Amino acid sequence: MNKLDYDRALYYTHRSEWDNLLILMVRTEDHFLSKKIEHFLHAYNFEHDYKIVEETLYSLLRYIDHANEALHSDPTSTPMYSLS
């Protein structure tokens, strides 16, 4: 799991950078994140019911939050930055 992928997904979603989100969907190694992004982008582009778009967006955001919490609780993960 790459914390940078989740940070990017959150940033791109917040800034409505759908092209970058699509590129992240293809490049990430996290298949669940890739599917969540795919479902959201499909709903955003093709659904007429805003409720479905909203549900897929919240599903993506919940997964990003869950993955970030899982990374913080893993004591064996390597830090992104080291002061030594």
N, C-alpha and C. Protein backbone atom coordinates (compact mmCIF):
# COMPACT_ATOMS: atom_id res chain seq x y z
N MET A 1 0.84 -1.18 0.00
CA MET A 1 0.00 0.00 0.00
C MET A 1 0.89 1.24 0.00
N ASN A 2 0.56 2.15 -0.84
CA ASN A 2 1.35 3.36 -0.99
C ASN A 2 0.53 4.56 -0.51
N LYS A 3 0.95 5.15 0.59
CA LYS A 3 0.22 6.28 1.17
C LYS A 3 0.10 7.44 0.19
N LEU A 4 1.09 7.60 -0.65
CA LEU A 4 1.07 8.69 -1.62
C LEU A 4 -0.10 8.56 -2.59
N ASP A 5 -0.46 7.33 -2.95
CA ASP A 5 -1.62 7.13 -3.83
C ASP A 5 -2.91 7.64 -3.19
N TYR A 6 -3.08 7.39 -1.91
CA TYR A 6 -4.30 7.83 -1.22
C TYR A 6 -4.32 9.35 -1.08
N ASP A 7 -3.17 9.92 -0.80
CA ASP A 7 -3.09 11.38 -0.72
C ASP A 7 -3.40 12.02 -2.07
N ARG A 8 -2.87 11.43 -3.11
CA ARG A 8 -3.15 11.95 -4.46
C ARG A 8 -4.62 11.81 -4.81
N ALA A 9 -5.20 10.67 -4.50
CA ALA A 9 -6.62 10.45 -4.80
C ALA A 9 -7.49 11.48 -4.08
N LEU A 10 -7.17 11.74 -2.84
CA LEU A 10 -7.93 12.73 -2.08
C LEU A 10 -7.73 14.13 -2.67
N TYR A 11 -6.52 14.47 -3.02
CA TYR A 11 -6.22 15.78 -3.59
C TYR A 11 -6.93 15.96 -4.94
N TYR A 12 -6.81 14.96 -5.82
CA TYR A 12 -7.43 15.06 -7.14
C TYR A 12 -8.95 15.13 -7.04
N THR A 13 -9.51 14.41 -6.10
CA THR A 13 -10.95 14.45 -5.92
C THR A 13 -11.38 15.82 -5.40
N HIS A 14 -10.65 16.34 -4.44
CA HIS A 14 -10.98 17.65 -3.89
C HIS A 14 -10.87 18.75 -4.94
N ARG A 15 -9.89 18.67 -5.81
CA ARG A 15 -9.65 19.71 -6.82
C ARG A 15 -10.39 19.43 -8.14
N SER A 16 -11.15 18.34 -8.19
CA SER A 16 -11.89 17.94 -9.41
C SER A 16 -10.97 17.76 -10.60
N GLU A 17 -9.82 17.16 -10.36
CA GLU A 17 -8.86 16.88 -11.43
C GLU A 17 -9.09 15.43 -11.91
N TRP A 18 -10.13 15.28 -12.73
CA TRP A 18 -10.56 13.95 -13.12
C TRP A 18 -9.55 13.25 -14.02
N ASP A 19 -8.83 14.00 -14.86
CA ASP A 19 -7.81 13.38 -15.72
C ASP A 19 -6.70 12.76 -14.87
N ASN A 20 -6.24 13.50 -13.88
CA ASN A 20 -5.19 12.97 -13.00
C ASN A 20 -5.70 11.80 -12.16
N LEU A 21 -6.97 11.85 -11.77
CA LEU A 21 -7.56 10.75 -11.02
C LEU A 21 -7.62 9.49 -11.89
N LEU A 22 -7.93 9.66 -13.16
CA LEU A 22 -7.96 8.53 -14.09
C LEU A 22 -6.56 7.93 -14.25
N ILE A 23 -5.55 8.77 -14.37
CA ILE A 23 -4.18 8.28 -14.48
C ILE A 23 -3.77 7.53 -13.22
N LEU A 24 -4.16 8.05 -12.05
CA LEU A 24 -3.87 7.36 -10.79
C LEU A 24 -4.57 6.01 -10.74
N MET A 25 -5.81 5.96 -11.24
CA MET A 25 -6.57 4.70 -11.26
C MET A 25 -5.80 3.63 -12.03
N VAL A 26 -5.17 4.01 -13.13
CA VAL A 26 -4.44 3.05 -13.96
C VAL A 26 -3.11 2.65 -13.32
N ARG A 27 -2.45 3.59 -12.68
CA ARG A 27 -1.09 3.35 -12.18
C ARG A 27 -1.01 2.74 -10.79
N THR A 28 -2.04 2.90 -9.97
CA THR A 28 -1.95 2.40 -8.60
C THR A 28 -1.93 0.87 -8.56
N GLU A 29 -1.26 0.35 -7.57
CA GLU A 29 -1.22 -1.10 -7.38
C GLU A 29 -2.32 -1.58 -6.44
N ASP A 30 -3.05 -0.67 -5.84
CA ASP A 30 -4.16 -1.01 -4.95
C ASP A 30 -5.42 -1.21 -5.81
N HIS A 31 -5.82 -2.45 -5.98
CA HIS A 31 -6.94 -2.76 -6.85
C HIS A 31 -8.27 -2.22 -6.31
N PHE A 32 -8.42 -2.18 -4.99
CA PHE A 32 -9.65 -1.63 -4.41
C PHE A 32 -9.76 -0.13 -4.69
N LEU A 33 -8.66 0.58 -4.53
CA LEU A 33 -8.65 2.01 -4.83
C LEU A 33 -8.96 2.23 -6.30
N SER A 34 -8.38 1.43 -7.15
CA SER A 34 -8.61 1.54 -8.59
C SER A 34 -10.09 1.34 -8.92
N LYS A 35 -10.73 0.35 -8.32
CA LYS A 35 -12.15 0.09 -8.57
C LYS A 35 -13.03 1.21 -8.03
N LYS A 36 -12.70 1.72 -6.86
CA LYS A 36 -13.49 2.83 -6.29
C LYS A 36 -13.42 4.06 -7.19
N ILE A 37 -12.22 4.35 -7.69
CA ILE A 37 -12.06 5.49 -8.59
C ILE A 37 -12.84 5.23 -9.88
N GLU A 38 -12.74 4.02 -10.41
CA GLU A 38 -13.45 3.68 -11.65
C GLU A 38 -14.96 3.86 -11.49
N HIS A 39 -15.51 3.35 -10.39
CA HIS A 39 -16.96 3.48 -10.16
C HIS A 39 -17.37 4.94 -10.03
N PHE A 40 -16.56 5.73 -9.33
CA PHE A 40 -16.90 7.14 -9.18
C PHE A 40 -16.84 7.87 -10.52
N LEU A 41 -15.77 7.70 -11.27
CA LEU A 41 -15.65 8.40 -12.54
C LEU A 41 -16.74 7.99 -13.53
N HIS A 42 -17.11 6.72 -13.51
CA HIS A 42 -18.19 6.27 -14.38
C HIS A 42 -19.51 6.93 -13.98
N ALA A 43 -19.78 6.95 -12.69
CA ALA A 43 -21.02 7.58 -12.22
C ALA A 43 -21.01 9.07 -12.51
N TYR A 44 -19.90 9.70 -12.31
CA TYR A 44 -19.80 11.15 -12.54
C TYR A 44 -20.07 11.51 -14.01
N ASN A 45 -19.57 10.68 -14.91
CA ASN A 45 -19.70 10.98 -16.33
C ASN A 45 -21.01 10.49 -16.96
N PHE A 46 -21.61 9.43 -16.42
CA PHE A 46 -22.73 8.82 -17.13
C PHE A 46 -24.04 8.75 -16.36
N GLU A 47 -24.03 8.94 -15.06
CA GLU A 47 -25.26 8.85 -14.28
C GLU A 47 -26.03 10.16 -14.33
N HIS A 48 -27.33 10.05 -14.42
CA HIS A 48 -28.19 11.23 -14.39
C HIS A 48 -28.71 11.50 -12.98
N ASP A 49 -28.64 10.48 -12.14
CA ASP A 49 -29.12 10.60 -10.76
C ASP A 49 -27.95 11.04 -9.87
N TYR A 50 -28.05 12.25 -9.33
CA TYR A 50 -26.97 12.79 -8.52
C TYR A 50 -26.74 11.97 -7.25
N LYS A 51 -27.78 11.31 -6.76
CA LYS A 51 -27.65 10.50 -5.55
C LYS A 51 -26.64 9.36 -5.76
N ILE A 52 -26.63 8.77 -6.93
CA ILE A 52 -25.69 7.69 -7.22
C ILE A 52 -24.26 8.24 -7.29
N VAL A 53 -24.10 9.40 -7.90
CA VAL A 53 -22.78 10.04 -7.97
C VAL A 53 -22.28 10.33 -6.56
N GLU A 54 -23.17 10.85 -5.73
CA GLU A 54 -22.82 11.17 -4.35
C GLU A 54 -22.43 9.91 -3.57
N GLU A 55 -23.16 8.82 -3.76
CA GLU A 55 -22.85 7.57 -3.06
C GLU A 55 -21.50 7.01 -3.47
N THR A 56 -21.19 7.06 -4.76
CA THR A 56 -19.89 6.54 -5.20
C THR A 56 -18.75 7.44 -4.73
N LEU A 57 -18.99 8.74 -4.67
CA LEU A 57 -17.97 9.66 -4.15
C LEU A 57 -17.72 9.37 -2.67
N TYR A 58 -18.77 9.22 -1.90
CA TYR A 58 -18.61 8.93 -0.47
C TYR A 58 -17.96 7.57 -0.26
N SER A 59 -18.25 6.61 -1.12
CA SER A 59 -17.62 5.30 -1.02
C SER A 59 -16.11 5.42 -1.26
N LEU A 60 -15.72 6.19 -2.25
CA LEU A 60 -14.30 6.43 -2.53
C LEU A 60 -13.64 7.13 -1.34
N LEU A 61 -14.26 8.17 -0.82
CA LEU A 61 -13.67 8.91 0.30
C LEU A 61 -13.57 8.05 1.56
N ARG A 62 -14.58 7.21 1.81
CA ARG A 62 -14.52 6.32 2.97
C ARG A 62 -13.37 5.32 2.83
N TYR A 63 -13.17 4.81 1.61
CA TYR A 63 -12.07 3.86 1.41
C TYR A 63 -10.71 4.55 1.61
N ILE A 64 -10.57 5.75 1.10
CA ILE A 64 -9.31 6.49 1.29
C ILE A 64 -9.05 6.71 2.78
N ASP A 65 -10.09 7.09 3.51
CA ASP A 65 -9.96 7.29 4.96
C ASP A 65 -9.58 5.99 5.66
N HIS A 66 -10.25 4.91 5.29
CA HIS A 66 -9.96 3.60 5.88
C HIS A 66 -8.51 3.18 5.59
N ALA A 67 -8.07 3.35 4.35
CA ALA A 67 -6.71 2.95 3.98
C ALA A 67 -5.67 3.79 4.71
N ASN A 68 -5.92 5.09 4.86
CA ASN A 68 -4.98 5.94 5.59
C ASN A 68 -4.90 5.54 7.06
N GLU A 69 -6.03 5.21 7.66
CA GLU A 69 -6.01 4.76 9.06
C GLU A 69 -5.28 3.43 9.19
N ALA A 70 -5.46 2.53 8.24
CA ALA A 70 -4.78 1.24 8.28
C ALA A 70 -3.27 1.42 8.16
N LEU A 71 -2.84 2.38 7.37
CA LEU A 71 -1.41 2.63 7.22
C LEU A 71 -0.82 3.22 8.50
N HIS A 72 -1.56 4.07 9.17
CA HIS A 72 -1.05 4.68 10.40
C HIS A 72 -0.96 3.67 11.53
N SER A 73 -1.80 2.65 11.52
CA SER A 73 -1.78 1.68 12.61
C SER A 73 -0.78 0.56 12.37
N ASP A 74 -0.14 0.51 11.20
CA ASP A 74 0.82 -0.54 10.89
C ASP A 74 2.21 -0.13 11.36
N PRO A 75 2.71 -0.73 12.45
CA PRO A 75 4.01 -0.32 13.00
C PRO A 75 5.19 -0.77 12.14
N THR A 76 4.99 -1.72 11.23
CA THR A 76 6.09 -2.21 10.41
C THR A 76 6.27 -1.43 9.12
N SER A 77 5.37 -0.50 8.85
CA SER A 77 5.49 0.26 7.60
C SER A 77 6.65 1.24 7.69
N THR A 78 7.25 1.49 6.57
CA THR A 78 8.39 2.40 6.53
C THR A 78 7.87 3.83 6.39
N PRO A 79 8.48 4.76 7.10
CA PRO A 79 8.02 6.15 7.00
C PRO A 79 8.36 6.75 5.64
N MET A 80 7.56 7.71 5.22
CA MET A 80 7.82 8.37 3.94
C MET A 80 9.08 9.22 4.02
N TYR A 81 9.32 9.83 5.17
CA TYR A 81 10.47 10.68 5.37
C TYR A 81 11.24 10.24 6.60
N SER A 82 12.53 10.37 6.53
CA SER A 82 13.37 10.01 7.66
C SER A 82 14.30 11.16 7.97
N LEU A 83 14.44 11.50 9.24
CA LEU A 83 15.31 12.58 9.65
C LEU A 83 16.75 12.13 9.85
N SER A 84 16.99 10.85 9.78
CA SER A 84 18.37 10.38 10.00
C SER A 84 19.15 10.23 8.74
